[in-house]
């Protein structure tokens, strides 16, 4: 049996509800760091990335205040006008939990752009594996999520292990 060398964790619903960590999430992340497994803040990864015109890529994550027609149309125009411009989806959750109930996630917006531009769907997982240096050995990665379809579906297409938490 191959050993696990990487972990992808769905944050919303697994580690966070709204902007509050789930019980045990902080301790769990500390244990991962103590075990030598890198855990980073996604915003740190984007520091220094230029956001001036002209733009040559679209990066989408959970940013409810930016999920509006003008912003999505701008993203669409970047993608449709440059066939080489990548659509990088940090995740494709259909919805996420907030203290007052479920809210629409970035998934429907990413899917709309993919549909409009005929983009691929499993590139998110391939990108994560490439960043971890494990693209050639996906069987050494486990995907942990709380939704079989949203969190684990794309990972199954690439053939790595999956675990559902509730």
C-alpha atoms as a PDB file:
ATOM      1  CA  UNK A   1       0.000   0.000   0.000  1.00  0.00           C
ATOM      2  CA  UNK A   2       1.312   3.452  -0.920  1.00  0.00           C
ATOM      3  CA  UNK A   3       1.757   5.956   1.863  1.00  0.00           C
ATOM      4  CA  UNK A   4      -0.197   9.210   1.915  1.00  0.00           C
ATOM      5  CA  UNK A   5       2.062  12.164   1.041  1.00  0.00           C
ATOM      6  CA  UNK A   6      -0.562  14.845   0.518  1.00  0.00           C
ATOM      7  CA  UNK A   7      -3.924  15.910   1.897  1.00  0.00           C
ATOM      8  CA  UNK A   8      -6.563  18.127   0.279  1.00  0.00           C
ATOM      9  CA  UNK A   9      -9.169  19.352   2.755  1.00  0.00           C
ATOM     10  CA  UNK A  10     -12.448  21.036   1.876  1.00  0.00           C
ATOM     11  CA  UNK A  11     -12.524  23.967   4.318  1.00  0.00           C
ATOM     12  CA  UNK A  12     -16.229  24.886   4.197  1.00  0.00           C
ATOM     13  CA  UNK A  13     -18.242  22.427   6.262  1.00  0.00           C
ATOM     14  CA  UNK A  14     -15.166  20.391   7.184  1.00  0.00           C
ATOM     15  CA  UNK A  15     -13.052  22.973   9.016  1.00  0.00           C
ATOM     16  CA  UNK A  16     -15.288  26.065   9.006  1.00  0.00           C
ATOM     17  CA  UNK A  17     -18.966  26.970   9.278  1.00  0.00           C
ATOM     18  CA  UNK A  18     -19.301  30.523   7.989  1.00  0.00           C
ATOM     19  CA  UNK A  19     -16.290  32.336   9.411  1.00  0.00           C
ATOM     20  CA  UNK A  20     -16.004  30.177  12.550  1.00  0.00           C
ATOM     21  CA  UNK A  21     -13.810  27.084  12.840  1.00  0.00           C
ATOM     22  CA  UNK A  22     -15.493  23.747  13.534  1.00  0.00           C
ATOM     23  CA  UNK A  23     -14.769  22.055  16.835  1.00  0.00           C
ATOM     24  CA  UNK A  24     -11.285  20.527  16.704  1.00  0.00           C
ATOM     25  CA  UNK A  25     -10.311  22.180  13.397  1.00  0.00           C
ATOM     26  CA  UNK A  26      -7.539  24.353  14.838  1.00  0.00           C
ATOM     27  CA  UNK A  27      -6.049  21.452  16.801  1.00  0.00           C
ATOM     28  CA  UNK A  28      -6.292  19.221  13.717  1.00  0.00           C
ATOM     29  CA  UNK A  29      -4.429  21.716  11.540  1.00  0.00           C
ATOM     30  CA  UNK A  30      -1.762  22.139  14.227  1.00  0.00           C
ATOM     31  CA  UNK A  31      -1.295  18.345  14.276  1.00  0.00           C
ATOM     32  CA  UNK A  32      -0.880  18.343  10.487  1.00  0.00           C
ATOM     33  CA  UNK A  33       1.757  21.083  10.729  1.00  0.00           C
ATOM     34  CA  UNK A  34       3.517  19.214  13.575  1.00  0.00           C
ATOM     35  CA  UNK A  35       3.580  16.087  11.385  1.00  0.00           C
ATOM     36  CA  UNK A  36       5.399  18.080   8.694  1.00  0.00           C
ATOM     37  CA  UNK A  37       2.430  18.377   6.357  1.00  0.00           C
ATOM     38  CA  UNK A  38       2.381  21.881   4.839  1.00  0.00           C
ATOM     39  CA  UNK A  39      -0.739  23.946   5.496  1.00  0.00           C
ATOM     40  CA  UNK A  40      -0.875  27.420   3.994  1.00  0.00           C
ATOM     41  CA  UNK A  41      -3.214  30.368   3.832  1.00  0.00           C
ATOM     42  CA  UNK A  42      -4.538  30.602   0.270  1.00  0.00           C
ATOM     43  CA  UNK A  43      -4.360  34.405   0.350  1.00  0.00           C
ATOM     44  CA  UNK A  44      -0.606  34.188   0.991  1.00  0.00           C
ATOM     45  CA  UNK A  45      -0.248  32.298  -2.285  1.00  0.00           C
ATOM     46  CA  UNK A  46      -1.620  35.298  -4.199  1.00  0.00           C
ATOM     47  CA  UNK A  47       0.453  38.073  -2.609  1.00  0.00           C
ATOM     48  CA  UNK A  48       2.345  39.947  -5.290  1.00  0.00           C
ATOM     49  CA  UNK A  49       0.160  38.658  -8.127  1.00  0.00           C
ATOM     50  CA  UNK A  50      -0.672  41.615 -10.365  1.00  0.00           C
ATOM     51  CA  UNK A  51      -4.355  42.406 -10.826  1.00  0.00           C
ATOM     52  CA  UNK A  52      -3.926  45.252 -13.288  1.00  0.00           C
ATOM     53  CA  UNK A  53      -5.248  45.216 -16.843  1.00  0.00           C
ATOM     54  CA  UNK A  54      -4.751  43.359 -19.104  1.00  0.00           C
ATOM     55  CA  UNK A  55      -5.620  40.172 -17.246  1.00  0.00           C
ATOM     56  CA  UNK A  56      -4.689  36.770 -18.625  1.00  0.00           C
ATOM     57  CA  UNK A  57      -6.324  34.379 -16.130  1.00  0.00           C
ATOM     58  CA  UNK A  58      -9.408  34.049 -13.953  1.00  0.00           C
ATOM     59  CA  UNK A  59      -9.110  32.805 -10.361  1.00  0.00           C
ATOM     60  CA  UNK A  60     -12.363  32.036  -8.545  1.00  0.00           C
ATOM     61  CA  UNK A  61     -12.916  31.115  -4.924  1.00  0.00           C
ATOM     62  CA  UNK A  62     -15.396  31.886  -2.218  1.00  0.00           C
ATOM     63  CA  UNK A  63     -15.870  35.645  -2.411  1.00  0.00           C
ATOM     64  CA  UNK A  64     -19.602  36.382  -2.093  1.00  0.00           C
ATOM     65  CA  UNK A  65     -19.211  40.136  -2.522  1.00  0.00           C
ATOM     66  CA  UNK A  66     -17.598  39.566  -5.943  1.00  0.00           C
ATOM     67  CA  UNK A  67     -20.228  37.141  -7.238  1.00  0.00           C
ATOM     68  CA  UNK A  68     -22.182  39.649  -9.276  1.00  0.00           C
ATOM     69  CA  UNK A  69     -22.965  39.998 -12.961  1.00  0.00           C
ATOM     70  CA  UNK A  70     -20.360  42.661 -13.822  1.00  0.00           C
ATOM     71  CA  UNK A  71     -17.520  40.709 -12.218  1.00  0.00           C
ATOM     72  CA  UNK A  72     -18.579  37.424 -13.812  1.00  0.00           C
ATOM     73  CA  UNK A  73     -18.984  39.064 -17.195  1.00  0.00           C
ATOM     74  CA  UNK A  74     -15.482  40.518 -16.898  1.00  0.00           C
ATOM     75  CA  UNK A  75     -14.192  37.002 -16.128  1.00  0.00           C
ATOM     76  CA  UNK A  76     -16.120  35.621 -19.103  1.00  0.00           C
ATOM     77  CA  UNK A  77     -14.592  38.217 -21.451  1.00  0.00           C
ATOM     78  CA  UNK A  78     -11.075  37.367 -20.274  1.00  0.00           C
ATOM     79  CA  UNK A  79     -11.682  33.671 -20.961  1.00  0.00           C
ATOM     80  CA  UNK A  80     -13.554  34.014 -24.255  1.00  0.00           C
ATOM     81  CA  UNK A  81     -11.100  36.561 -25.711  1.00  0.00           C
ATOM     82  CA  UNK A  82      -7.987  34.520 -24.818  1.00  0.00           C
ATOM     83  CA  UNK A  83      -8.327  30.767 -25.421  1.00  0.00           C
ATOM     84  CA  UNK A  84      -5.107  30.246 -23.438  1.00  0.00           C
ATOM     85  CA  UNK A  85      -6.378  32.071 -20.348  1.00  0.00           C
ATOM     86  CA  UNK A  86      -6.936  29.521 -17.579  1.00  0.00           C
ATOM     87  CA  UNK A  87      -9.984  29.395 -15.337  1.00  0.00           C
ATOM     88  CA  UNK A  88      -8.572  28.438 -11.940  1.00  0.00           C
ATOM     89  CA  UNK A  89     -11.285  27.354  -9.517  1.00  0.00           C
ATOM     90  CA  UNK A  90     -10.145  27.113  -5.912  1.00  0.00           C
ATOM     91  CA  UNK A  91     -13.201  24.938  -5.356  1.00  0.00           C
ATOM     92  CA  UNK A  92     -16.609  24.304  -6.882  1.00  0.00           C
ATOM     93  CA  UNK A  93     -18.923  24.019  -3.909  1.00  0.00           C
ATOM     94  CA  UNK A  94     -22.579  24.448  -4.896  1.00  0.00           C
ATOM     95  CA  UNK A  95     -23.292  25.985  -1.519  1.00  0.00           C
ATOM     96  CA  UNK A  96     -21.670  26.620   1.845  1.00  0.00           C
ATOM     97  CA  UNK A  97     -22.892  26.920   5.413  1.00  0.00           C
ATOM     98  CA  UNK A  98     -23.246  30.297   7.076  1.00  0.00           C
ATOM     99  CA  UNK A  99     -24.603  30.962  10.555  1.00  0.00           C
ATOM    100  CA  UNK A 100     -28.022  31.888   9.115  1.00  0.00           C
ATOM    101  CA  UNK A 101     -28.238  28.942   6.676  1.00  0.00           C
ATOM    102  CA  UNK A 102     -26.890  27.736   3.335  1.00  0.00           C
ATOM    103  CA  UNK A 103     -25.667  30.223   0.730  1.00  0.00           C
ATOM    104  CA  UNK A 104     -24.790  29.832  -2.928  1.00  0.00           C
ATOM    105  CA  UNK A 105     -21.134  28.870  -3.366  1.00  0.00           C
ATOM    106  CA  UNK A 106     -18.725  29.525  -6.239  1.00  0.00           C
ATOM    107  CA  UNK A 107     -19.495  26.232  -8.041  1.00  0.00           C
ATOM    108  CA  UNK A 108     -22.488  27.478 -10.029  1.00  0.00           C
ATOM    109  CA  UNK A 109     -20.495  30.524 -11.139  1.00  0.00           C
ATOM    110  CA  UNK A 110     -17.480  28.423 -12.139  1.00  0.00           C
ATOM    111  CA  UNK A 111     -19.786  26.004 -13.983  1.00  0.00           C
ATOM    112  CA  UNK A 112     -21.450  28.896 -15.803  1.00  0.00           C
ATOM    113  CA  UNK A 113     -18.068  30.147 -17.022  1.00  0.00           C
ATOM    114  CA  UNK A 114     -16.982  26.615 -17.981  1.00  0.00           C
ATOM    115  CA  UNK A 115     -20.230  26.083 -19.861  1.00  0.00           C
ATOM    116  CA  UNK A 116     -19.950  29.434 -21.623  1.00  0.00           C
ATOM    117  CA  UNK A 117     -16.326  28.803 -22.575  1.00  0.00           C
ATOM    118  CA  UNK A 118     -16.411  24.976 -22.857  1.00  0.00           C
ATOM    119  CA  UNK A 119     -13.658  24.592 -20.258  1.00  0.00           C
ATOM    120  CA  UNK A 120     -12.460  21.415 -18.553  1.00  0.00           C
ATOM    121  CA  UNK A 121     -13.752  20.343 -15.137  1.00  0.00           C
ATOM    122  CA  UNK A 122     -11.014  18.335 -13.418  1.00  0.00           C
ATOM    123  CA  UNK A 123      -8.183  20.864 -13.793  1.00  0.00           C
ATOM    124  CA  UNK A 124      -8.665  22.041 -10.183  1.00  0.00           C
ATOM    125  CA  UNK A 125      -7.566  18.668  -8.841  1.00  0.00           C
ATOM    126  CA  UNK A 126      -4.759  18.309 -11.374  1.00  0.00           C
ATOM    127  CA  UNK A 127      -3.493  21.776 -10.439  1.00  0.00           C
ATOM    128  CA  UNK A 128      -3.494  20.902  -6.735  1.00  0.00           C
ATOM    129  CA  UNK A 129      -1.604  17.658  -7.408  1.00  0.00           C
ATOM    130  CA  UNK A 130       0.916  19.496  -9.587  1.00  0.00           C
ATOM    131  CA  UNK A 131       1.503  22.095  -6.847  1.00  0.00           C
ATOM    132  CA  UNK A 132       2.117  19.253  -4.378  1.00  0.00           C
ATOM    133  CA  UNK A 133       4.510  17.516  -6.799  1.00  0.00           C
ATOM    134  CA  UNK A 134       2.206  14.480  -6.899  1.00  0.00           C
ATOM    135  CA  UNK A 135       0.582  14.721 -10.335  1.00  0.00           C
ATOM    136  CA  UNK A 136       2.247  11.474 -11.437  1.00  0.00           C
ATOM    137  CA  UNK A 137       1.274   9.618  -8.232  1.00  0.00           C
ATOM    138  CA  UNK A 138      -2.328  10.601  -7.399  1.00  0.00           C
ATOM    139  CA  UNK A 139      -2.793   7.310  -5.536  1.00  0.00           C
ATOM    140  CA  UNK A 140      -0.598   8.831  -2.804  1.00  0.00           C
ATOM    141  CA  UNK A 141      -3.088  11.641  -2.100  1.00  0.00           C
ATOM    142  CA  UNK A 142      -6.278  11.554  -0.089  1.00  0.00           C
ATOM    143  CA  UNK A 143      -9.147  14.013  -0.561  1.00  0.00           C
ATOM    144  CA  UNK A 144     -11.194  14.777   2.551  1.00  0.00           C
ATOM    145  CA  UNK A 145     -14.554  16.499   2.212  1.00  0.00           C
ATOM    146  CA  UNK A 146     -18.086  16.611   3.542  1.00  0.00           C
ATOM    147  CA  UNK A 147     -19.908  16.281   0.209  1.00  0.00           C
ATOM    148  CA  UNK A 148     -19.502  13.230  -2.039  1.00  0.00           C
ATOM    149  CA  UNK A 149     -20.380  15.035  -5.270  1.00  0.00           C
ATOM    150  CA  UNK A 150     -18.825  18.470  -4.758  1.00  0.00           C
ATOM    151  CA  UNK A 151     -15.672  17.605  -2.850  1.00  0.00           C
ATOM    152  CA  UNK A 152     -14.858  14.114  -4.031  1.00  0.00           C
ATOM    153  CA  UNK A 153     -16.296  13.837  -7.553  1.00  0.00           C
ATOM    154  CA  UNK A 154     -13.388  15.383  -9.465  1.00  0.00           C
ATOM    155  CA  UNK A 155     -10.821  13.575  -7.358  1.00  0.00           C
ATOM    156  CA  UNK A 156     -12.347  10.219  -8.312  1.00  0.00           C
ATOM    157  CA  UNK A 157     -11.834  11.106 -12.004  1.00  0.00           C
ATOM    158  CA  UNK A 158      -8.097  11.376 -11.269  1.00  0.00           C
ATOM    159  CA  UNK A 159      -8.045   8.204  -9.150  1.00  0.00           C
ATOM    160  CA  UNK A 160      -7.022   9.182  -5.678  1.00  0.00           C
ATOM    161  CA  UNK A 161      -8.407   8.090  -2.343  1.00  0.00           C
ATOM    162  CA  UNK A 162     -11.394   9.865  -0.861  1.00  0.00           C
ATOM    163  CA  UNK A 163     -12.886  10.193   2.601  1.00  0.00           C
ATOM    164  CA  UNK A 164     -16.252  11.714   3.541  1.00  0.00           C
ATOM    165  CA  UNK A 165     -16.719  13.366   6.925  1.00  0.00           C
ATOM    166  CA  UNK A 166     -19.956  14.457   8.499  1.00  0.00           C
END
